[in-house]
Protein backbone atom coordinates (compact mmCIF):
# COMPACT_ATOMS: atom_id res chain seq x y z
CA MET A 1 19.61 20.30 -43.57
CA ALA A 2 16.05 19.16 -43.36
CA VAL A 3 14.91 16.63 -40.75
CA ALA A 4 13.08 13.65 -42.24
CA PRO A 5 9.55 13.17 -40.51
CA VAL A 6 9.39 10.19 -38.02
CA SER A 7 7.16 7.54 -39.28
CA SER A 8 4.17 6.05 -37.15
CA ALA A 9 6.33 2.69 -37.37
CA GLN A 10 9.14 4.39 -35.74
CA ILE A 11 6.94 5.79 -32.95
CA ALA A 12 4.97 2.93 -32.37
CA PRO A 13 7.41 0.46 -30.76
CA LYS A 14 8.64 3.21 -28.31
CA SER A 15 5.01 4.00 -27.37
CA ILE A 16 4.30 0.51 -26.63
CA ALA A 17 7.38 -0.06 -24.54
CA THR A 18 6.41 2.98 -22.41
CA GLY A 19 2.74 1.75 -22.14
CA LEU A 20 3.96 -1.65 -21.03
CA LEU A 21 6.61 -0.01 -18.45
CA LEU A 22 3.71 2.20 -17.10
CA ALA A 23 1.26 -0.68 -16.78
CA THR A 24 3.92 -2.80 -14.91
CA LEU A 25 4.85 0.00 -12.51
CA GLY A 26 1.27 0.93 -12.00
CA ALA A 27 0.38 -2.82 -11.12
CA ILE A 28 3.18 -2.99 -8.67
CA ALA A 29 2.51 0.24 -7.08
CA PHE A 30 -1.17 -0.77 -6.48
CA SER A 31 0.08 -4.05 -4.92
CA GLY A 32 2.05 -2.14 -2.36
CA LYS A 33 -1.06 -0.88 -0.93
CA ALA A 34 -1.60 -4.08 0.91
CA ILE A 35 1.86 -4.12 2.18
CA ILE A 36 1.60 -0.65 3.59
CA VAL A 37 -1.67 -1.30 5.49
CA LYS A 38 -0.15 -4.51 6.94
CA LEU A 39 2.74 -2.46 8.31
CA ALA A 40 0.29 0.19 9.57
CA TYR A 41 -1.51 -2.32 11.60
CA ARG A 42 1.53 -3.21 13.51
CA TYR A 43 1.07 0.20 15.26
CA GLY A 44 -2.51 -0.52 16.65
CA VAL A 45 -4.45 1.58 14.39
CA ASP A 46 -7.99 0.50 13.24
CA ALA A 47 -9.38 0.17 9.72
CA VAL A 48 -11.63 3.28 9.99
CA THR A 49 -8.82 5.65 11.08
CA LEU A 50 -6.34 4.28 8.55
CA ILE A 51 -8.68 4.53 5.47
CA MET A 52 -9.60 8.05 6.64
CA LEU A 53 -5.84 9.02 6.74
CA ARG A 54 -5.33 7.54 3.49
CA MET A 55 -8.27 9.44 1.71
CA LEU A 56 -7.50 12.62 3.55
CA PHE A 57 -4.00 12.90 1.83
CA ALA A 58 -5.40 11.55 -1.48
CA LEU A 59 -8.41 14.03 -1.73
CA PRO A 60 -6.34 16.96 -2.90
CA PHE A 61 -4.96 15.00 -5.83
CA PHE A 62 -8.28 13.67 -7.00
CA VAL A 63 -9.86 17.02 -6.70
CA ALA A 64 -7.17 18.49 -8.94
CA MET A 65 -7.60 15.52 -11.30
CA SER A 66 -11.34 16.43 -11.47
CA TRP A 67 -10.57 20.00 -12.11
CA TRP A 68 -8.15 19.13 -14.85
CA ALA A 69 -10.36 16.88 -16.63
CA SER A 70 -13.07 19.42 -16.42
CA ARG A 71 -11.47 22.23 -18.27
CA PRO A 72 -12.37 23.39 -21.66
CA ARG A 73 -10.59 21.62 -24.37
CA ALA A 74 -9.65 23.39 -27.66
CA GLY A 75 -11.71 26.38 -26.48
CA LYS A 76 -14.70 24.15 -25.90
CA PRO A 77 -16.27 23.55 -22.61
CA VAL A 78 -16.88 20.00 -21.48
CA ALA A 79 -20.51 18.81 -21.02
CA PRO A 80 -21.95 19.72 -17.56
CA LEU A 81 -23.02 17.01 -15.30
CA THR A 82 -26.54 16.09 -15.31
CA ARG A 83 -28.52 14.92 -12.49
CA LYS A 84 -28.05 11.34 -13.87
CA ASP A 85 -24.39 11.78 -14.08
CA VAL A 86 -24.37 13.11 -10.51
CA LEU A 87 -26.18 10.11 -9.20
CA GLY A 88 -24.02 7.83 -11.35
CA VAL A 89 -20.80 9.35 -9.89
CA VAL A 90 -22.05 9.10 -6.30
CA TRP A 91 -23.04 5.47 -6.87
CA LEU A 92 -19.76 4.58 -8.42
CA GLY A 93 -17.92 6.42 -5.74
CA VAL A 94 -19.80 4.37 -3.00
CA THR A 95 -19.42 1.03 -4.63
CA GLY A 96 -16.02 1.18 -6.59
CA TYR A 97 -13.75 3.21 -4.01
CA TYR A 98 -15.50 3.81 -0.59
CA LEU A 99 -16.91 0.39 0.27
CA ALA A 100 -14.53 -1.65 -1.80
CA SER A 101 -11.65 0.08 -0.04
CA PHE A 102 -13.15 -0.13 3.60
CA LEU A 103 -13.81 -3.67 3.15
CA ASP A 104 -10.37 -4.34 1.78
CA PHE A 105 -8.60 -2.60 4.65
CA ALA A 106 -10.87 -4.31 7.35
CA GLY A 107 -10.06 -7.71 5.77
CA LEU A 108 -6.24 -7.05 5.60
CA ALA A 109 -6.47 -7.32 9.53
CA TYR A 110 -7.21 -10.78 9.37
CA ILE A 111 -5.27 -12.28 6.16
CA THR A 112 -2.02 -12.03 4.39
CA ALA A 113 -1.39 -9.55 1.72
CA SER A 114 -0.76 -12.38 -0.79
CA LEU A 115 -4.21 -13.93 -0.11
CA GLU A 116 -5.66 -10.41 -0.32
CA ARG A 117 -4.30 -9.81 -3.57
CA LEU A 118 -5.42 -13.13 -5.07
CA ILE A 119 -9.00 -12.47 -3.92
CA LEU A 120 -9.11 -9.05 -5.44
CA TYR A 121 -7.66 -10.22 -8.63
CA LEU A 122 -10.90 -12.49 -9.23
CA ASN A 123 -12.49 -9.02 -10.45
CA PRO A 124 -12.77 -10.23 -14.07
CA THR A 125 -14.61 -13.31 -13.06
CA LEU A 126 -17.07 -11.47 -10.73
CA VAL A 127 -17.94 -9.02 -13.57
CA LEU A 128 -18.81 -12.14 -15.72
CA LEU A 129 -20.81 -13.44 -12.78
CA LEU A 130 -22.52 -10.13 -12.40
CA GLY A 131 -23.39 -10.40 -16.02
CA LEU A 132 -24.86 -13.86 -15.81
CA VAL A 133 -26.98 -12.82 -12.59
CA LEU A 134 -28.28 -9.52 -13.45
CA PHE A 135 -28.60 -9.73 -17.25
CA GLY A 136 -28.57 -13.42 -18.10
CA ARG A 137 -25.35 -13.09 -20.10
CA ARG A 138 -23.94 -16.41 -21.05
CA ILE A 139 -20.79 -17.55 -19.85
CA GLY A 140 -18.87 -19.77 -22.33
CA ARG A 141 -16.96 -22.92 -21.59
CA ARG A 142 -13.56 -21.47 -21.82
CA GLN A 143 -14.57 -18.56 -19.34
CA ALA A 144 -15.99 -21.11 -16.96
CA LEU A 145 -12.89 -22.93 -16.90
CA GLY A 146 -10.76 -19.92 -16.42
CA MET A 147 -13.14 -19.27 -13.41
CA ALA A 148 -12.77 -22.48 -12.05
CA ILE A 149 -8.96 -22.44 -12.16
CA SER A 150 -8.90 -19.11 -10.61
CA TYR A 151 -11.28 -19.99 -7.66
CA ALA A 152 -9.35 -23.29 -6.99
CA GLY A 153 -6.12 -21.24 -6.54
CA VAL A 154 -7.77 -18.84 -4.11
CA LEU A 155 -9.33 -21.69 -2.21
CA LEU A 156 -5.94 -23.49 -2.15
CA VAL A 157 -4.00 -20.55 -0.62
CA PHE A 158 -7.02 -19.79 1.79
CA GLY A 159 -7.16 -23.53 3.08
CA HIS A 160 -3.49 -23.40 3.93
CA GLU A 161 -3.81 -20.10 5.81
CA VAL A 162 -6.80 -21.49 7.68
CA THR A 163 -4.50 -24.39 8.85
CA LEU A 164 -2.00 -21.95 9.99
CA GLN A 165 -3.90 -18.77 11.38
CA GLY A 166 -7.23 -20.11 12.38
CA ALA A 167 -10.87 -19.16 11.82
CA ASP A 168 -10.28 -15.27 11.45
CA VAL A 169 -8.95 -15.99 8.01
CA ALA A 170 -12.30 -16.93 6.89
CA LEU A 171 -13.60 -13.50 8.05
CA GLY A 172 -10.85 -11.49 6.45
CA ALA A 173 -11.26 -13.65 3.09
CA VAL A 174 -15.10 -12.88 3.19
CA LEU A 175 -14.63 -9.06 3.79
CA VAL A 176 -11.87 -8.89 0.91
CA PHE A 177 -14.13 -10.80 -1.32
CA LEU A 178 -17.16 -8.76 -0.57
CA SER A 179 -14.57 -5.82 -1.47
CA ALA A 180 -13.88 -7.44 -4.85
CA VAL A 181 -17.65 -7.83 -5.35
CA SER A 182 -18.14 -4.05 -4.66
CA TYR A 183 -15.55 -3.11 -7.10
CA ALA A 184 -16.81 -5.51 -9.66
CA LEU A 185 -20.12 -3.59 -9.54
CA TYR A 186 -18.22 -0.29 -10.17
CA LEU A 187 -16.48 -2.02 -13.28
CA PHE A 188 -19.78 -3.35 -14.35
CA TYR A 189 -21.64 -0.19 -14.36
CA SER A 190 -19.02 2.33 -15.16
CA GLY A 191 -18.45 1.57 -18.89
CA GLU A 192 -21.26 3.97 -20.10
CA MET A 193 -20.27 6.65 -17.70
CA VAL A 194 -16.52 6.30 -18.90
CA GLN A 195 -17.62 7.10 -22.67
CA ARG A 196 -19.64 10.15 -21.54
CA LEU A 197 -17.33 11.75 -18.96
CA GLY A 198 -14.12 10.25 -19.84
CA SER A 199 -11.96 8.20 -17.66
CA LEU A 200 -9.84 10.89 -16.17
CA ARG A 201 -12.91 12.92 -15.17
CA LEU A 202 -14.99 10.09 -13.70
CA VAL A 203 -12.17 8.54 -11.69
CA GLY A 204 -11.36 11.97 -10.06
CA LEU A 205 -15.09 12.52 -9.27
CA ALA A 206 -15.73 8.98 -7.94
CA THR A 207 -12.68 8.92 -5.91
CA SER A 208 -13.30 12.55 -4.53
CA VAL A 209 -16.85 11.14 -3.46
CA ALA A 210 -15.21 8.23 -1.75
CA CYS A 211 -12.75 10.33 0.10
CA VAL A 212 -15.26 12.53 1.60
CA LEU A 213 -17.22 9.42 2.58
CA CYS A 214 -14.30 7.99 4.42
CA ILE A 215 -13.41 11.14 6.30
CA ALA A 216 -17.12 11.43 7.17
CA GLN A 217 -17.17 7.91 8.61
CA PHE A 218 -14.41 8.68 10.66
CA VAL A 219 -16.03 11.80 12.25
CA VAL A 220 -19.19 9.85 13.06
CA LEU A 221 -17.58 6.61 14.50
CA ARG A 222 -14.33 8.05 16.13
CA PRO A 223 -13.63 10.99 18.45
CA LEU A 224 -11.92 13.49 16.50
CA ASP A 225 -9.04 13.85 18.93
CA SER A 226 -8.20 10.12 18.46
CA VAL A 227 -6.39 10.88 15.51
CA LEU A 228 -3.86 12.63 17.77
CA ALA A 229 -2.96 9.40 19.13
CA VAL A 230 -2.06 7.78 15.87
CA ALA A 231 1.70 6.79 15.67
CA PRO A 232 3.71 9.09 13.48
CA GLN A 233 4.83 6.18 11.37
CA VAL A 234 0.90 5.40 10.50
CA VAL A 235 0.82 8.93 9.14
CA TRP A 236 3.79 8.65 7.05
CA LEU A 237 2.64 5.23 5.89
CA SER A 238 -0.63 6.83 4.98
CA VAL A 239 0.95 9.60 2.90
CA LEU A 240 2.83 7.08 0.99
CA ASN A 241 -0.42 4.92 0.58
CA ALA A 242 -2.30 7.77 -0.79
CA THR A 243 0.39 8.96 -3.28
CA LEU A 244 2.57 6.01 -4.50
CA CYS A 245 0.00 3.33 -4.10
CA THR A 246 -3.14 5.26 -4.92
CA VAL A 247 -2.63 8.38 -7.06
CA VAL A 248 0.44 7.44 -8.78
CA PRO A 249 -0.79 4.16 -10.07
CA VAL A 250 -4.11 5.49 -11.21
CA MET A 251 -2.41 7.85 -13.51
CA MET A 252 0.24 5.27 -14.51
CA VAL A 253 -2.55 2.88 -15.69
CA MET A 254 -4.47 5.53 -17.53
CA MET A 255 -1.59 6.51 -19.41
CA ALA A 256 -0.70 2.91 -20.13
CA ILE A 257 -4.13 2.27 -21.53
CA GLU A 258 -3.73 5.35 -23.74
CA ARG A 259 -0.90 3.74 -25.33
CA ILE A 260 -1.50 0.10 -25.35
CA GLY A 261 -5.30 -0.34 -24.83
CA SER A 262 -7.18 -1.76 -21.91
CA GLY A 263 -6.92 -5.50 -22.70
CA LEU A 264 -3.08 -5.43 -23.04
CA ALA A 265 -2.77 -3.22 -19.86
CA ALA A 266 -5.14 -5.71 -18.07
CA GLN A 267 -2.79 -8.38 -18.75
CA VAL A 268 0.29 -6.83 -17.88
CA GLY A 269 -1.63 -6.24 -14.55
CA MET A 270 -1.01 -9.92 -13.89
CA VAL A 271 2.15 -8.98 -12.24
CA GLY A 272 0.29 -7.51 -9.36
CA PRO A 273 -0.32 -10.88 -7.42
CA MET A 274 3.12 -11.97 -7.88
CA SER A 275 4.58 -8.63 -6.86
CA THR A 276 2.46 -8.72 -3.74
CA MET A 277 3.60 -12.12 -2.83
CA ILE A 278 7.29 -11.14 -3.16
CA MET A 279 6.81 -7.98 -1.14
CA GLY A 280 4.79 -9.89 1.43
CA VAL A 281 7.74 -12.23 1.93
CA LEU A 282 10.58 -9.76 2.13
CA VAL A 283 8.91 -6.89 3.74
CA LEU A 284 6.21 -8.44 6.19
CA GLY A 285 7.91 -11.70 6.54
CA GLU A 286 5.04 -13.72 5.38
CA PRO A 287 5.81 -17.51 4.83
CA PHE A 288 6.71 -18.35 1.35
CA THR A 289 5.26 -21.84 0.59
CA ALA A 290 4.66 -24.06 -2.33
CA TRP A 291 0.90 -23.78 -1.69
CA LEU A 292 1.14 -19.93 -2.11
CA VAL A 293 3.19 -20.32 -5.18
CA ALA A 294 0.61 -22.89 -6.70
CA GLY A 295 -2.40 -20.81 -5.81
CA THR A 296 -0.95 -17.74 -7.50
CA VAL A 297 -0.11 -19.39 -10.81
CA LEU A 298 -3.66 -20.86 -10.76
CA VAL A 299 -5.41 -17.49 -10.34
CA ILE A 300 -3.20 -15.76 -12.80
CA ALA A 301 -3.63 -18.80 -15.27
CA GLY A 302 -7.43 -18.78 -14.70
CA VAL A 303 -7.96 -15.06 -15.22
CA PHE A 304 -5.75 -15.30 -18.46
CA VAL A 305 -7.78 -17.98 -19.76
CA CYS A 306 -11.02 -16.27 -18.76
CA SER A 307 -9.78 -12.75 -20.36
CA ARG A 308 -8.74 -14.47 -23.75
CA ALA A 309 -11.94 -16.51 -24.04
CA ARG A 310 -14.68 -14.94 -26.20
CA GLY A 311 -17.78 -16.96 -24.66
């Protein structure tokens, strides 16, 4: 008995559902990074050592990702890297993964995981601001409104944390905000290279550069035998951070984008701040307040308005 061909209409709903699930799980897994970092800080480790361990365990996966994406396809070799490509990969590795990750880890020593995630979620608004500052691109009224709503939400949570935890919150918020700016630079300049190299190849190469830089930073700033004093719990948390909260969500989000597109995947990513808030309360015992809920709603709403606006 002949089997009838499956129509695209039959495939599409399943593909969309799979993409939405992957995007959701990827956003939640990304959010878990801050929770794991906060847990590791309880064992007396510093940011330089902690990020080195994370990148050390993640490096083999990203090297493998680069190799896989650089294989010949359909018998045709991929385009070799030009000098411009190499410089671009190094730049994106420094801004998008090394500097952004280190500043983020350092800031988490002073602020809650929930506030950290809200600040990082301002990335789309920072990309718009970079376009205005660097190229004079106009920001539309709805975009400006969305930005104002988002920053109001962050300021609301920030102001509440300052009253509870003191001035160190300001230092942590500045460090995480600079991390968001650094990653926005990566997003801003990566578009052309993604088209030329492909997202998987670019991510693998740029993150490999960042991993090497984080390891080199530890070698320069810390005695090598200091890693032996790290608590075993920190090592296992770093393994979890490198795999479940770094490599796995990168793959999930990329597979989601293939199925539902970057726009819808970005909107699904709005579950990130909410999932961080919930995990922060349940795992870390962070305070659950009306201020936090209101700030989270404002940030998510503002980014949604901003992303839907066309200028």
